[in-house]
PDB file of N, CA and C in Angstrom:
ATOM      1  N   UNK A   1     -76.527  34.455  42.355  1.00  0.00           N
ATOM      2  CA  UNK A   1     -75.122  34.209  42.481  1.00  0.00           C
ATOM      3  C   UNK A   1     -74.871  33.739  43.985  1.00  0.00           C
ATOM      4  N   UNK A   2     -74.026  32.786  44.050  1.00  0.00           N
ATOM      5  CA  UNK A   2     -73.724  32.260  45.392  1.00  0.00           C
ATOM      6  C   UNK A   2     -72.370  32.560  45.852  1.00  0.00           C
ATOM      7  N   UNK A   3     -72.170  33.119  47.068  1.00  0.00           N
ATOM      8  CA  UNK A   3     -70.789  33.477  47.570  1.00  0.00           C
ATOM      9  C   UNK A   3     -70.385  32.409  48.577  1.00  0.00           C
ATOM     10  N   UNK A   4     -69.150  31.972  48.451  1.00  0.00           N
ATOM     11  CA  UNK A   4     -68.660  30.970  49.334  1.00  0.00           C
ATOM     12  C   UNK A   4     -67.473  31.552  50.106  1.00  0.00           C
ATOM     13  N   UNK A   5     -67.587  31.580  51.425  1.00  0.00           N
ATOM     14  CA  UNK A   5     -66.576  32.102  52.343  1.00  0.00           C
ATOM     15  C   UNK A   5     -65.802  30.999  52.927  1.00  0.00           C
ATOM     16  N   UNK A   6     -64.474  31.118  52.779  1.00  0.00           N
ATOM     17  CA  UNK A   6     -63.575  30.078  53.354  1.00  0.00           C
ATOM     18  C   UNK A   6     -63.163  30.534  54.797  1.00  0.00           C
ATOM     19  N   UNK A   7     -63.557  29.746  55.725  1.00  0.00           N
ATOM     20  CA  UNK A   7     -63.233  30.162  57.098  1.00  0.00           C
ATOM     21  C   UNK A   7     -62.333  28.946  57.715  1.00  0.00           C
ATOM     22  N   UNK A   8     -61.375  29.368  58.508  1.00  0.00           N
ATOM     23  CA  UNK A   8     -60.540  28.364  59.162  1.00  0.00           C
ATOM     24  C   UNK A   8     -61.439  27.362  59.865  1.00  0.00           C
ATOM     25  N   UNK A   9     -61.018  26.160  59.786  1.00  0.00           N
ATOM     26  CA  UNK A   9     -61.794  25.168  60.550  1.00  0.00           C
ATOM     27  C   UNK A   9     -61.570  25.334  62.015  1.00  0.00           C
ATOM     28  N   UNK A  10     -62.473  24.934  62.839  1.00  0.00           N
ATOM     29  CA  UNK A  10     -62.335  25.185  64.258  1.00  0.00           C
ATOM     30  C   UNK A  10     -61.445  24.057  64.845  1.00  0.00           C
ATOM     31  N   UNK A  11     -60.967  23.146  64.059  1.00  0.00           N
ATOM     32  CA  UNK A  11     -60.002  22.097  64.570  1.00  0.00           C
ATOM     33  C   UNK A  11     -58.622  22.522  64.681  1.00  0.00           C
ATOM     34  N   UNK A  12     -58.240  23.756  64.167  1.00  0.00           N
ATOM     35  CA  UNK A  12     -56.851  24.224  64.279  1.00  0.00           C
ATOM     36  C   UNK A  12     -56.493  24.542  65.612  1.00  0.00           C
ATOM     37  N   UNK A  13     -55.250  24.194  66.088  1.00  0.00           N
ATOM     38  CA  UNK A  13     -54.892  24.456  67.414  1.00  0.00           C
ATOM     39  C   UNK A  13     -54.793  25.982  67.607  1.00  0.00           C
ATOM     40  N   UNK A  14     -55.295  26.428  68.816  1.00  0.00           N
ATOM     41  CA  UNK A  14     -55.172  27.838  69.124  1.00  0.00           C
ATOM     42  C   UNK A  14     -53.703  28.278  69.423  1.00  0.00           C
ATOM     43  N   UNK A  15     -53.514  29.588  69.157  1.00  0.00           N
ATOM     44  CA  UNK A  15     -52.069  30.052  69.386  1.00  0.00           C
ATOM     45  C   UNK A  15     -51.939  30.183  70.927  1.00  0.00           C
ATOM     46  N   UNK A  16     -50.830  29.614  71.337  1.00  0.00           N
ATOM     47  CA  UNK A  16     -50.597  29.611  72.766  1.00  0.00           C
ATOM     48  C   UNK A  16     -49.570  30.715  73.121  1.00  0.00           C
ATOM     49  N   UNK A  17     -49.246  30.872  74.371  1.00  0.00           N
ATOM     50  CA  UNK A  17     -48.262  31.867  74.762  1.00  0.00           C
ATOM     51  C   UNK A  17     -46.857  31.561  74.324  1.00  0.00           C
ATOM     52  N   UNK A  18     -46.566  30.301  74.077  1.00  0.00           N
ATOM     53  CA  UNK A  18     -45.242  29.890  73.640  1.00  0.00           C
ATOM     54  C   UNK A  18     -44.991  30.307  72.189  1.00  0.00           C
ATOM     55  N   UNK A  19     -45.933  30.185  71.343  1.00  0.00           N
ATOM     56  CA  UNK A  19     -45.728  30.597  70.010  1.00  0.00           C
ATOM     57  C   UNK A  19     -45.521  32.097  69.920  1.00  0.00           C
ATOM     58  N   UNK A  20     -46.231  32.832  70.675  1.00  0.00           N
ATOM     59  CA  UNK A  20     -46.013  34.288  70.726  1.00  0.00           C
ATOM     60  C   UNK A  20     -44.645  34.606  71.255  1.00  0.00           C
ATOM     61  N   UNK A  21     -44.264  33.933  72.243  1.00  0.00           N
ATOM     62  CA  UNK A  21     -42.901  34.155  72.844  1.00  0.00           C
ATOM     63  C   UNK A  21     -41.849  33.728  71.810  1.00  0.00           C
ATOM     64  N   UNK A  22     -42.063  32.677  71.092  1.00  0.00           N
ATOM     65  CA  UNK A  22     -40.962  32.251  70.140  1.00  0.00           C
ATOM     66  C   UNK A  22     -40.937  33.256  69.042  1.00  0.00           C
ATOM     67  N   UNK A  23     -42.008  33.756  68.567  1.00  0.00           N
ATOM     68  CA  UNK A  23     -41.939  34.792  67.521  1.00  0.00           C
ATOM     69  C   UNK A  23     -41.286  36.103  68.014  1.00  0.00           C
ATOM     70  N   UNK A  24     -41.590  36.411  69.244  1.00  0.00           N
ATOM     71  CA  UNK A  24     -40.866  37.578  69.814  1.00  0.00           C
ATOM     72  C   UNK A  24     -39.383  37.401  69.978  1.00  0.00           C
ATOM     73  N   UNK A  25     -38.985  36.175  70.397  1.00  0.00           N
ATOM     74  CA  UNK A  25     -37.561  35.810  70.534  1.00  0.00           C
ATOM     75  C   UNK A  25     -36.914  35.892  69.159  1.00  0.00           C
ATOM     76  N   UNK A  26     -37.513  35.311  68.128  1.00  0.00           N
ATOM     77  CA  UNK A  26     -36.952  35.267  66.820  1.00  0.00           C
ATOM     78  C   UNK A  26     -36.780  36.752  66.282  1.00  0.00           C
ATOM     79  N   UNK A  27     -37.774  37.527  66.563  1.00  0.00           N
ATOM     80  CA  UNK A  27     -37.719  38.930  66.013  1.00  0.00           C
ATOM     81  C   UNK A  27     -36.541  39.682  66.792  1.00  0.00           C
ATOM     82  N   UNK A  28     -36.359  39.478  68.085  1.00  0.00           N
ATOM     83  CA  UNK A  28     -35.304  40.140  68.821  1.00  0.00           C
ATOM     84  C   UNK A  28     -33.890  39.662  68.313  1.00  0.00           C
ATOM     85  N   UNK A  29     -33.875  38.356  68.108  1.00  0.00           N
ATOM     86  CA  UNK A  29     -32.612  37.775  67.590  1.00  0.00           C
ATOM     87  C   UNK A  29     -32.277  38.357  66.210  1.00  0.00           C
ATOM     88  N   UNK A  30     -33.292  38.488  65.358  1.00  0.00           N
ATOM     89  CA  UNK A  30     -33.029  39.049  64.016  1.00  0.00           C
ATOM     90  C   UNK A  30     -32.624  40.598  64.132  1.00  0.00           C
ATOM     91  N   UNK A  31     -33.194  41.251  65.006  1.00  0.00           N
ATOM     92  CA  UNK A  31     -32.873  42.650  65.284  1.00  0.00           C
ATOM     93  C   UNK A  31     -31.463  42.772  65.792  1.00  0.00           C
ATOM     94  N   UNK A  32     -31.024  41.905  66.713  1.00  0.00           N
ATOM     95  CA  UNK A  32     -29.717  41.913  67.269  1.00  0.00           C
ATOM     96  C   UNK A  32     -28.705  41.623  66.179  1.00  0.00           C
ATOM     97  N   UNK A  33     -28.949  40.584  65.314  1.00  0.00           N
ATOM     98  CA  UNK A  33     -28.059  40.260  64.219  1.00  0.00           C
ATOM     99  C   UNK A  33     -27.946  41.449  63.262  1.00  0.00           C
ATOM    100  N   UNK A  34     -28.981  42.081  62.918  1.00  0.00           N
ATOM    101  CA  UNK A  34     -28.948  43.244  62.018  1.00  0.00           C
ATOM    102  C   UNK A  34     -28.069  44.346  62.677  1.00  0.00           C
ATOM    103  N   UNK A  35     -28.263  44.609  63.965  1.00  0.00           N
ATOM    104  CA  UNK A  35     -27.577  45.644  64.743  1.00  0.00           C
ATOM    105  C   UNK A  35     -26.013  45.290  64.650  1.00  0.00           C
ATOM    106  N   UNK A  36     -25.751  43.975  64.851  1.00  0.00           N
ATOM    107  CA  UNK A  36     -24.285  43.617  64.780  1.00  0.00           C
ATOM    108  C   UNK A  36     -23.652  43.842  63.412  1.00  0.00           C
ATOM    109  N   UNK A  37     -24.430  43.537  62.363  1.00  0.00           N
ATOM    110  CA  UNK A  37     -23.913  43.684  61.029  1.00  0.00           C
ATOM    111  C   UNK A  37     -23.714  45.154  60.745  1.00  0.00           C
ATOM    112  N   UNK A  38     -24.588  46.030  61.155  1.00  0.00           N
ATOM    113  CA  UNK A  38     -24.490  47.420  60.912  1.00  0.00           C
ATOM    114  C   UNK A  38     -23.364  48.049  61.684  1.00  0.00           C
ATOM    115  N   UNK A  39     -23.236  47.627  62.951  1.00  0.00           N
ATOM    116  CA  UNK A  39     -22.023  48.192  63.738  1.00  0.00           C
ATOM    117  C   UNK A  39     -20.702  47.754  63.191  1.00  0.00           C
ATOM    118  N   UNK A  40     -20.603  46.444  62.775  1.00  0.00           N
ATOM    119  CA  UNK A  40     -19.381  46.044  62.227  1.00  0.00           C
ATOM    120  C   UNK A  40     -19.128  46.780  60.885  1.00  0.00           C
ATOM    121  N   UNK A  41     -20.066  47.019  60.113  1.00  0.00           N
ATOM    122  CA  UNK A  41     -20.012  47.814  58.961  1.00  0.00           C
ATOM    123  C   UNK A  41     -19.420  49.222  59.177  1.00  0.00           C
ATOM    124  N   UNK A  42     -20.004  49.864  60.110  1.00  0.00           N
ATOM    125  CA  UNK A  42     -19.592  51.254  60.401  1.00  0.00           C
ATOM    126  C   UNK A  42     -18.315  51.353  61.225  1.00  0.00           C
ATOM    127  N   UNK A  43     -18.095  50.512  62.114  1.00  0.00           N
ATOM    128  CA  UNK A  43     -16.874  50.475  63.023  1.00  0.00           C
ATOM    129  C   UNK A  43     -15.719  49.901  62.380  1.00  0.00           C
ATOM    130  N   UNK A  44     -15.783  48.876  61.619  1.00  0.00           N
ATOM    131  CA  UNK A  44     -14.666  48.150  61.009  1.00  0.00           C
ATOM    132  C   UNK A  44     -14.519  48.455  59.496  1.00  0.00           C
ATOM    133  N   UNK A  45     -15.515  48.165  58.752  1.00  0.00           N
ATOM    134  CA  UNK A  45     -15.368  48.185  57.311  1.00  0.00           C
ATOM    135  C   UNK A  45     -15.190  49.616  56.785  1.00  0.00           C
ATOM    136  N   UNK A  46     -16.014  50.567  57.285  1.00  0.00           N
ATOM    137  CA  UNK A  46     -16.010  51.971  56.766  1.00  0.00           C
ATOM    138  C   UNK A  46     -14.623  52.581  57.061  1.00  0.00           C
ATOM    139  N   UNK A  47     -14.121  52.575  58.281  1.00  0.00           N
ATOM    140  CA  UNK A  47     -12.778  53.134  58.447  1.00  0.00           C
ATOM    141  C   UNK A  47     -11.674  52.500  57.626  1.00  0.00           C
ATOM    142  N   UNK A  48     -11.763  51.161  57.467  1.00  0.00           N
ATOM    143  CA  UNK A  48     -10.725  50.557  56.659  1.00  0.00           C
ATOM    144  C   UNK A  48     -10.853  51.033  55.093  1.00  0.00           C
ATOM    145  N   UNK A  49     -12.000  51.196  54.624  1.00  0.00           N
ATOM    146  CA  UNK A  49     -12.191  51.677  53.269  1.00  0.00           C
ATOM    147  C   UNK A  49     -11.786  53.107  53.149  1.00  0.00           C
ATOM    148  N   UNK A  50     -12.031  53.892  54.119  1.00  0.00           N
ATOM    149  CA  UNK A  50     -11.550  55.237  54.031  1.00  0.00           C
ATOM    150  C   UNK A  50     -10.025  55.336  54.136  1.00  0.00           C
ATOM    151  N   UNK A  51      -9.412  54.666  55.059  1.00  0.00           N
ATOM    152  CA  UNK A  51      -7.960  54.689  55.164  1.00  0.00           C
ATOM    153  C   UNK A  51      -7.303  54.112  53.869  1.00  0.00           C
ATOM    154  N   UNK A  52      -7.918  52.996  53.355  1.00  0.00           N
ATOM    155  CA  UNK A  52      -7.415  52.482  52.027  1.00  0.00           C
ATOM    156  C   UNK A  52      -7.555  53.503  50.934  1.00  0.00           C
ATOM    157  N   UNK A  53      -8.646  54.255  50.849  1.00  0.00           N
ATOM    158  CA  UNK A  53      -8.773  55.226  49.855  1.00  0.00           C
ATOM    159  C   UNK A  53      -7.795  56.344  49.905  1.00  0.00           C
ATOM    160  N   UNK A  54      -7.551  56.831  51.242  1.00  0.00           N
ATOM    161  CA  UNK A  54      -6.610  57.839  51.362  1.00  0.00           C
ATOM    162  C   UNK A  54      -5.211  57.474  51.041  1.00  0.00           C
ATOM    163  N   UNK A  55      -4.831  56.239  51.395  1.00  0.00           N
ATOM    164  CA  UNK A  55      -3.492  55.693  51.047  1.00  0.00           C
ATOM    165  C   UNK A  55      -3.401  55.556  49.533  1.00  0.00           C
ATOM    166  N   UNK A  56      -4.343  55.043  48.831  1.00  0.00           N
ATOM    167  CA  UNK A  56      -4.347  54.954  47.401  1.00  0.00           C
ATOM    168  C   UNK A  56      -4.208  56.346  46.787  1.00  0.00           C
ATOM    169  N   UNK A  57      -4.957  57.235  47.286  1.00  0.00           N
ATOM    170  CA  UNK A  57      -4.950  58.638  46.692  1.00  0.00           C
ATOM    171  C   UNK A  57      -3.453  59.253  46.845  1.00  0.00           C
ATOM    172  N   UNK A  58      -2.871  59.035  48.037  1.00  0.00           N
ATOM    173  CA  UNK A  58      -1.594  59.576  48.303  1.00  0.00           C
ATOM    174  C   UNK A  58      -0.525  58.823  47.369  1.00  0.00           C
ATOM    175  N   UNK A  59      -0.734  57.536  47.253  1.00  0.00           N
ATOM    176  CA  UNK A  59       0.219  56.766  46.364  1.00  0.00           C
ATOM    177  C   UNK A  59       0.152  57.274  44.959  1.00  0.00           C
ATOM    178  N   UNK A  60      -1.018  57.400  44.400  1.00  0.00           N
ATOM    179  CA  UNK A  60      -1.199  57.810  43.053  1.00  0.00           C
ATOM    180  C   UNK A  60      -0.705  59.305  42.810  1.00  0.00           C
ATOM    181  N   UNK A  61      -0.785  60.114  43.752  1.00  0.00           N
ATOM    182  CA  UNK A  61      -0.348  61.474  43.642  1.00  0.00           C
ATOM    183  C   UNK A  61       1.204  61.505  43.705  1.00  0.00           C
ATOM    184  N   UNK A  62       1.814  60.690  44.511  1.00  0.00           N
ATOM    185  CA  UNK A  62       3.256  60.765  44.648  1.00  0.00           C
ATOM    186  C   UNK A  62       3.925  60.086  43.510  1.00  0.00           C
ATOM    187  N   UNK A  63       3.321  59.138  42.789  1.00  0.00           N
ATOM    188  CA  UNK A  63       3.919  58.516  41.669  1.00  0.00           C
ATOM    189  C   UNK A  63       4.183  59.559  40.546  1.00  0.00           C
ATOM    190  N   UNK A  64       5.384  59.546  40.112  1.00  0.00           N
ATOM    191  CA  UNK A  64       5.789  60.482  39.101  1.00  0.00           C
ATOM    192  C   UNK A  64       5.360  60.074  37.736  1.00  0.00           C
ATOM    193  N   UNK A  65       4.889  61.028  36.959  1.00  0.00           N
ATOM    194  CA  UNK A  65       4.525  60.698  35.606  1.00  0.00           C
ATOM    195  C   UNK A  65       5.784  60.411  34.725  1.00  0.00           C
ATOM    196  N   UNK A  66       5.630  59.797  33.630  1.00  0.00           N
ATOM    197  CA  UNK A  66       6.735  59.558  32.691  1.00  0.00           C
ATOM    198  C   UNK A  66       7.303  60.942  32.210  1.00  0.00           C
ATOM    199  N   UNK A  67       8.693  60.991  32.170  1.00  0.00           N
ATOM    200  CA  UNK A  67       9.275  62.246  31.740  1.00  0.00           C
ATOM    201  C   UNK A  67       9.052  62.525  30.305  1.00  0.00           C
ATOM    202  N   UNK A  68       8.562  63.702  30.036  1.00  0.00           N
ATOM    203  CA  UNK A  68       8.341  64.201  28.609  1.00  0.00           C
ATOM    204  C   UNK A  68       9.421  65.157  28.273  1.00  0.00           C
ATOM    205  N   UNK A  69       9.948  65.086  27.030  1.00  0.00           N
ATOM    206  CA  UNK A  69      10.911  66.067  26.746  1.00  0.00           C
ATOM    207  C   UNK A  69      10.341  67.501  26.553  1.00  0.00           C
ATOM    208  N   UNK A  70      11.092  68.475  26.992  1.00  0.00           N
ATOM    209  CA  UNK A  70      10.587  69.793  26.948  1.00  0.00           C
ATOM    210  C   UNK A  70      10.680  70.319  25.556  1.00  0.00           C
ATOM    211  N   UNK A  71       9.555  70.876  24.988  1.00  0.00           N
ATOM    212  CA  UNK A  71       9.685  71.393  23.653  1.00  0.00           C
ATOM    213  C   UNK A  71      10.479  72.717  23.620  1.00  0.00           C
ATOM    214  N   UNK A  72      11.113  72.901  22.382  1.00  0.00           N
ATOM    215  CA  UNK A  72      11.942  74.039  22.245  1.00  0.00           C
ATOM    216  C   UNK A  72      11.013  75.222  22.087  1.00  0.00           C
ATOM    217  N   UNK A  73      11.583  76.440  22.385  1.00  0.00           N
ATOM    218  CA  UNK A  73      10.861  77.574  22.328  1.00  0.00           C
ATOM    219  C   UNK A  73      10.397  77.914  20.872  1.00  0.00           C
ATOM    220  N   UNK A  74       9.197  78.240  20.670  1.00  0.00           N
ATOM    221  CA  UNK A  74       8.637  78.531  19.332  1.00  0.00           C
ATOM    222  C   UNK A  74       8.203  77.331  18.582  1.00  0.00           C
ATOM    223  N   UNK A  75       8.361  76.157  19.194  1.00  0.00           N
ATOM    224  CA  UNK A  75       7.900  74.922  18.418  1.00  0.00           C
ATOM    225  C   UNK A  75       6.662  74.403  19.001  1.00  0.00           C
ATOM    226  N   UNK A  76       5.746  74.195  18.106  1.00  0.00           N
ATOM    227  CA  UNK A  76       4.470  73.602  18.445  1.00  0.00           C
ATOM    228  C   UNK A  76       4.402  72.214  17.894  1.00  0.00           C
ATOM    229  N   UNK A  77       4.129  71.319  18.835  1.00  0.00           N
ATOM    230  CA  UNK A  77       4.016  69.874  18.384  1.00  0.00           C
ATOM    231  C   UNK A  77       2.545  69.612  18.129  1.00  0.00           C
ATOM    232  N   UNK A  78       2.304  68.929  17.009  1.00  0.00           N
ATOM    233  CA  UNK A  78       0.921  68.562  16.526  1.00  0.00           C
ATOM    234  C   UNK A  78       1.017  67.395  15.637  1.00  0.00           C
ATOM    235  N   UNK A  79      -0.098  66.693  15.543  1.00  0.00           N
ATOM    236  CA  UNK A  79      -0.233  65.640  14.538  1.00  0.00           C
ATOM    237  C   UNK A  79      -0.973  66.149  13.345  1.00  0.00           C
ATOM    238  N   UNK A  80      -0.552  65.748  12.163  1.00  0.00           N
ATOM    239  CA  UNK A  80      -1.180  66.208  10.993  1.00  0.00           C
ATOM    240  C   UNK A  80      -1.172  64.985  10.080  1.00  0.00           C
ATOM    241  N   UNK A  81      -2.034  65.173   9.008  1.00  0.00           N
ATOM    242  CA  UNK A  81      -2.124  64.173   7.974  1.00  0.00           C
ATOM    243  C   UNK A  81      -1.956  64.958   6.648  1.00  0.00           C
ATOM    244  N   UNK A  82      -1.155  64.366   5.751  1.00  0.00           N
ATOM    245  CA  UNK A  82      -0.922  64.920   4.444  1.00  0.00           C
ATOM    246  C   UNK A  82      -1.904  64.331   3.463  1.00  0.00           C
ATOM    247  N   UNK A  83      -2.605  65.108   2.802  1.00  0.00           N
ATOM    248  CA  UNK A  83      -3.573  64.602   1.855  1.00  0.00           C
ATOM    249  C   UNK A  83      -3.038  65.104   0.409  1.00  0.00           C
ATOM    250  N   UNK A  84      -2.736  64.089  -0.410  1.00  0.00           N
ATOM    251  CA  UNK A  84      -2.391  64.456  -1.727  1.00  0.00           C
ATOM    252  C   UNK A  84      -3.438  64.642  -2.667  1.00  0.00           C
ATOM    253  N   UNK A  85      -3.383  65.754  -3.402  1.00  0.00           N
ATOM    254  CA  UNK A  85      -4.493  65.982  -4.361  1.00  0.00           C
ATOM    255  C   UNK A  85      -4.146  65.461  -5.706  1.00  0.00           C
ATOM    256  N   UNK A  86      -4.922  64.552  -6.342  1.00  0.00           N
ATOM    257  CA  UNK A  86      -4.619  64.024  -7.652  1.00  0.00           C
ATOM    258  C   UNK A  86      -5.752  64.539  -8.631  1.00  0.00           C
ATOM    259  N   UNK A  87      -5.276  65.147  -9.655  1.00  0.00           N
ATOM    260  CA  UNK A  87      -6.177  65.634 -10.710  1.00  0.00           C
ATOM    261  C   UNK A  87      -6.300  64.758 -11.831  1.00  0.00           C
TER     262      UNK A  87
END
């Protein structure tokens, strides 16, 4: 059995200090963008969502339910079905 190893050709340009610096700058830029997104989410979006939830909860609690007539004493309201028996 014969094994073939694929090796990079020696004609490829070597990595210079600029490519390393460019990758480092891109990584720092991505980290800064992620930090901005997280901070905006926690500082702006989360408080707005919490305040909106509190306002909605208060609005729904204060809204009065539809008035139901009070049942008379001793009267039980129920639904029933009449089944006729045919012989």
